[in-house]
């Protein structure tokens, strides 16, 4: 339940998604990728995700940890399902 609660917070899944595709990213790069996120919100999500061991700050920027990458891998089937669903809705 802790994980689901954390992932349900605004921008959490987006941060994980962007880091899975653009690894690693500086704060500014990540903010640009997340478009409308405020610096405060992004900072809070990064703090949360770092505390959970999903994101780490490296010398090159923010990156997914091994647990973060394994979670990202689990999200890929959900992404495929969501795309199929969106096509069905259209």
N, C-alpha and C. Protein backbone atom coordinates (compact mmCIF):
# COMPACT_ATOMS: atom_id res chain seq x y z
N UNK A 1 0.82 -1.20 0.00
CA UNK A 1 0.00 0.00 0.00
C UNK A 1 0.87 1.26 0.00
N UNK A 2 2.03 1.20 0.63
CA UNK A 2 2.92 2.35 0.66
C UNK A 2 3.33 2.74 -0.77
N UNK A 3 3.68 1.73 -1.56
CA UNK A 3 4.08 2.00 -2.95
C UNK A 3 2.92 2.59 -3.75
N UNK A 4 1.75 2.00 -3.64
CA UNK A 4 0.61 2.51 -4.41
C UNK A 4 0.25 3.92 -4.00
N UNK A 5 0.35 4.22 -2.71
CA UNK A 5 0.08 5.57 -2.25
C UNK A 5 1.11 6.55 -2.82
N UNK A 6 2.37 6.16 -2.81
CA UNK A 6 3.42 7.02 -3.34
C UNK A 6 3.27 7.23 -4.84
N UNK A 7 2.96 6.18 -5.57
CA UNK A 7 2.81 6.30 -7.02
C UNK A 7 1.56 7.07 -7.41
N UNK A 8 0.59 7.13 -6.50
CA UNK A 8 -0.63 7.87 -6.76
C UNK A 8 -0.48 9.37 -6.58
N UNK A 9 0.64 9.80 -6.02
CA UNK A 9 0.87 11.23 -5.86
C UNK A 9 1.16 11.85 -7.22
N UNK A 10 0.68 13.07 -7.37
CA UNK A 10 0.84 13.77 -8.64
C UNK A 10 2.31 13.83 -9.05
N UNK A 11 2.57 13.52 -10.29
CA UNK A 11 3.86 13.56 -10.96
C UNK A 11 4.77 12.38 -10.66
N UNK A 12 4.44 11.52 -9.72
CA UNK A 12 5.33 10.41 -9.36
C UNK A 12 5.54 9.47 -10.54
N UNK A 13 4.48 8.99 -11.15
CA UNK A 13 4.61 8.08 -12.28
C UNK A 13 5.26 8.76 -13.48
N UNK A 14 4.98 10.02 -13.67
CA UNK A 14 5.59 10.75 -14.79
C UNK A 14 7.10 10.84 -14.62
N UNK A 15 7.54 11.12 -13.40
CA UNK A 15 8.98 11.19 -13.14
C UNK A 15 9.62 9.83 -13.43
N UNK A 16 9.03 8.77 -12.95
CA UNK A 16 9.56 7.43 -13.20
C UNK A 16 9.59 7.15 -14.70
N UNK A 17 8.53 7.49 -15.38
CA UNK A 17 8.44 7.27 -16.83
C UNK A 17 9.53 8.03 -17.58
N UNK A 18 9.69 9.29 -17.26
CA UNK A 18 10.69 10.10 -17.96
C UNK A 18 12.11 9.61 -17.66
N UNK A 19 12.37 9.22 -16.43
CA UNK A 19 13.70 8.72 -16.10
C UNK A 19 13.97 7.37 -16.76
N UNK A 20 12.93 6.61 -17.02
CA UNK A 20 13.13 5.33 -17.69
C UNK A 20 13.50 5.52 -19.16
N UNK A 21 13.08 6.66 -19.73
CA UNK A 21 13.36 6.95 -21.14
C UNK A 21 14.55 7.88 -21.34
N UNK A 22 14.92 8.63 -20.31
CA UNK A 22 15.95 9.67 -20.44
C UNK A 22 16.88 9.61 -19.24
N UNK A 23 17.56 8.55 -19.09
CA UNK A 23 18.34 8.32 -17.88
C UNK A 23 19.78 8.73 -18.05
N UNK A 24 20.42 9.45 -17.20
CA UNK A 24 19.91 10.28 -16.11
C UNK A 24 19.54 11.68 -16.59
N UNK A 25 18.89 12.45 -15.72
CA UNK A 25 18.45 13.80 -16.07
C UNK A 25 18.79 14.75 -14.94
N UNK A 26 19.17 15.96 -15.31
CA UNK A 26 19.31 17.01 -14.31
C UNK A 26 17.91 17.44 -13.88
N UNK A 27 17.85 18.21 -12.81
CA UNK A 27 16.56 18.71 -12.33
C UNK A 27 15.87 19.51 -13.44
N UNK A 28 16.61 20.40 -14.08
CA UNK A 28 16.01 21.24 -15.14
C UNK A 28 15.55 20.41 -16.34
N UNK A 29 16.33 19.41 -16.71
CA UNK A 29 15.93 18.55 -17.82
C UNK A 29 14.65 17.80 -17.47
N UNK A 30 14.60 17.28 -16.27
CA UNK A 30 13.42 16.54 -15.83
C UNK A 30 12.20 17.46 -15.75
N UNK A 31 12.41 18.67 -15.28
CA UNK A 31 11.30 19.62 -15.22
C UNK A 31 10.79 19.94 -16.61
N UNK A 32 11.69 20.08 -17.57
CA UNK A 32 11.30 20.34 -18.95
C UNK A 32 10.52 19.16 -19.53
N UNK A 33 10.96 17.95 -19.25
CA UNK A 33 10.27 16.76 -19.75
C UNK A 33 8.88 16.62 -19.15
N UNK A 34 8.73 17.05 -17.92
CA UNK A 34 7.42 16.95 -17.24
C UNK A 34 6.55 18.17 -17.51
N UNK A 35 7.01 19.07 -18.33
CA UNK A 35 6.29 20.23 -18.83
C UNK A 35 5.70 21.13 -17.75
N UNK A 36 4.55 20.85 -17.23
CA UNK A 36 3.83 21.79 -16.37
C UNK A 36 4.14 21.64 -14.88
N UNK A 37 5.06 20.78 -14.51
CA UNK A 37 5.35 20.57 -13.10
C UNK A 37 6.07 21.78 -12.52
N UNK A 38 5.65 22.18 -11.32
CA UNK A 38 6.34 23.28 -10.64
C UNK A 38 7.62 22.76 -10.01
N UNK A 39 8.60 23.61 -9.80
CA UNK A 39 9.83 23.17 -9.15
C UNK A 39 9.58 22.57 -7.77
N UNK A 40 8.64 23.13 -7.03
CA UNK A 40 8.33 22.61 -5.70
C UNK A 40 7.74 21.21 -5.78
N UNK A 41 6.80 21.01 -6.69
CA UNK A 41 6.20 19.68 -6.84
C UNK A 41 7.22 18.65 -7.29
N UNK A 42 8.06 19.02 -8.24
CA UNK A 42 9.07 18.09 -8.72
C UNK A 42 10.05 17.75 -7.60
N UNK A 43 10.47 18.74 -6.86
CA UNK A 43 11.38 18.51 -5.76
C UNK A 43 10.76 17.57 -4.72
N UNK A 44 9.49 17.77 -4.42
CA UNK A 44 8.79 16.89 -3.47
C UNK A 44 8.70 15.46 -3.98
N UNK A 45 8.36 15.28 -5.27
CA UNK A 45 8.27 13.92 -5.81
C UNK A 45 9.63 13.25 -5.83
N UNK A 46 10.66 13.98 -6.22
CA UNK A 46 12.00 13.40 -6.23
C UNK A 46 12.43 13.00 -4.82
N UNK A 47 12.09 13.82 -3.86
CA UNK A 47 12.41 13.49 -2.46
C UNK A 47 11.69 12.21 -2.04
N UNK A 48 10.39 12.13 -2.35
CA UNK A 48 9.61 10.93 -2.02
C UNK A 48 10.20 9.69 -2.68
N UNK A 49 10.49 9.80 -3.98
CA UNK A 49 10.98 8.64 -4.73
C UNK A 49 12.39 8.24 -4.30
N UNK A 50 13.18 9.21 -3.87
CA UNK A 50 14.51 8.88 -3.33
C UNK A 50 14.38 8.17 -2.00
N UNK A 51 13.46 8.61 -1.16
CA UNK A 51 13.25 7.96 0.14
C UNK A 51 12.77 6.53 -0.03
N UNK A 52 12.02 6.26 -1.08
CA UNK A 52 11.53 4.91 -1.36
C UNK A 52 12.58 4.05 -2.06
N UNK A 53 13.71 4.64 -2.43
CA UNK A 53 14.76 3.87 -3.09
C UNK A 53 14.51 3.61 -4.56
N UNK A 54 13.66 4.42 -5.18
CA UNK A 54 13.34 4.25 -6.60
C UNK A 54 14.16 5.17 -7.49
N UNK A 55 14.60 6.30 -6.93
CA UNK A 55 15.38 7.29 -7.66
C UNK A 55 16.60 7.64 -6.83
N UNK A 56 17.70 7.91 -7.54
CA UNK A 56 18.93 8.34 -6.86
C UNK A 56 19.50 9.55 -7.58
N UNK A 57 20.29 10.32 -6.85
CA UNK A 57 20.97 11.45 -7.44
C UNK A 57 22.41 11.04 -7.69
N UNK A 58 22.79 10.99 -8.96
CA UNK A 58 24.14 10.59 -9.35
C UNK A 58 24.93 11.84 -9.75
N UNK A 59 26.15 11.66 -10.09
CA UNK A 59 26.97 12.80 -10.54
C UNK A 59 26.47 13.35 -11.88
N UNK A 60 25.65 12.59 -12.60
CA UNK A 60 25.12 13.01 -13.90
C UNK A 60 23.67 13.49 -13.81
N UNK A 61 23.06 13.39 -12.65
CA UNK A 61 21.67 13.81 -12.48
C UNK A 61 20.85 12.73 -11.80
N UNK A 62 19.55 12.86 -11.90
CA UNK A 62 18.64 11.90 -11.29
C UNK A 62 18.50 10.68 -12.19
N UNK A 63 18.47 9.52 -11.56
CA UNK A 63 18.38 8.26 -12.30
C UNK A 63 17.56 7.27 -11.49
N UNK A 64 17.01 6.30 -12.18
CA UNK A 64 16.31 5.23 -11.49
C UNK A 64 17.33 4.29 -10.85
N UNK A 65 16.99 3.80 -9.68
CA UNK A 65 17.79 2.76 -9.04
C UNK A 65 17.41 1.43 -9.68
N UNK A 66 18.03 0.36 -9.23
CA UNK A 66 17.66 -0.97 -9.73
C UNK A 66 16.18 -1.24 -9.46
N UNK A 67 15.70 -0.88 -8.27
CA UNK A 67 14.27 -1.07 -7.97
C UNK A 67 13.41 -0.18 -8.86
N UNK A 68 13.86 1.04 -9.11
CA UNK A 68 13.12 1.93 -9.99
C UNK A 68 13.03 1.40 -11.40
N UNK A 69 14.14 0.83 -11.90
CA UNK A 69 14.13 0.24 -13.25
C UNK A 69 13.22 -0.98 -13.31
N UNK A 70 13.25 -1.81 -12.25
CA UNK A 70 12.37 -2.98 -12.27
C UNK A 70 10.90 -2.56 -12.22
N UNK A 71 10.60 -1.49 -11.49
CA UNK A 71 9.23 -0.97 -11.47
C UNK A 71 8.86 -0.43 -12.84
N UNK A 72 9.77 0.27 -13.47
CA UNK A 72 9.53 0.81 -14.81
C UNK A 72 9.22 -0.31 -15.79
N UNK A 73 9.96 -1.41 -15.69
CA UNK A 73 9.71 -2.56 -16.56
C UNK A 73 8.30 -3.12 -16.36
N UNK A 74 7.82 -3.07 -15.14
CA UNK A 74 6.47 -3.56 -14.86
C UNK A 74 5.39 -2.63 -15.39
N UNK A 75 5.74 -1.38 -15.60
CA UNK A 75 4.77 -0.41 -16.12
C UNK A 75 4.58 -0.51 -17.63
N UNK A 76 5.53 -1.12 -18.33
CA UNK A 76 5.42 -1.23 -19.79
C UNK A 76 4.17 -1.97 -20.26
N UNK A 77 3.81 -3.12 -19.65
CA UNK A 77 2.55 -3.76 -20.07
C UNK A 77 1.33 -2.89 -19.80
N UNK A 78 1.37 -2.12 -18.73
CA UNK A 78 0.26 -1.21 -18.44
C UNK A 78 0.17 -0.12 -19.51
N UNK A 79 1.31 0.35 -19.97
CA UNK A 79 1.34 1.35 -21.04
C UNK A 79 0.74 0.77 -22.32
N UNK A 80 1.11 -0.46 -22.66
CA UNK A 80 0.54 -1.10 -23.86
C UNK A 80 -0.97 -1.24 -23.71
N UNK A 81 -1.42 -1.67 -22.55
CA UNK A 81 -2.85 -1.82 -22.31
C UNK A 81 -3.55 -0.46 -22.45
N UNK A 82 -2.97 0.58 -21.88
CA UNK A 82 -3.57 1.92 -21.93
C UNK A 82 -3.67 2.41 -23.37
N UNK A 83 -2.66 2.13 -24.18
CA UNK A 83 -2.71 2.54 -25.59
C UNK A 83 -3.80 1.79 -26.35
N UNK A 84 -3.94 0.49 -26.09
CA UNK A 84 -5.02 -0.28 -26.71
C UNK A 84 -6.37 0.26 -26.27
N UNK A 85 -6.51 0.55 -25.02
CA UNK A 85 -7.74 1.07 -24.47
C UNK A 85 -8.10 2.42 -25.08
N UNK A 86 -7.08 3.30 -25.22
CA UNK A 86 -7.31 4.60 -25.82
C UNK A 86 -7.76 4.46 -27.27
N UNK A 87 -7.15 3.52 -27.98
CA UNK A 87 -7.58 3.27 -29.37
C UNK A 87 -9.03 2.80 -29.41
N UNK A 88 -9.41 1.95 -28.47
CA UNK A 88 -10.78 1.45 -28.41
C UNK A 88 -11.77 2.57 -28.12
N UNK A 89 -11.36 3.50 -27.25
CA UNK A 89 -12.23 4.63 -26.92
C UNK A 89 -12.42 5.60 -28.09
N UNK A 90 -11.42 5.68 -28.94
CA UNK A 90 -11.44 6.68 -30.03
C UNK A 90 -12.44 6.37 -31.09
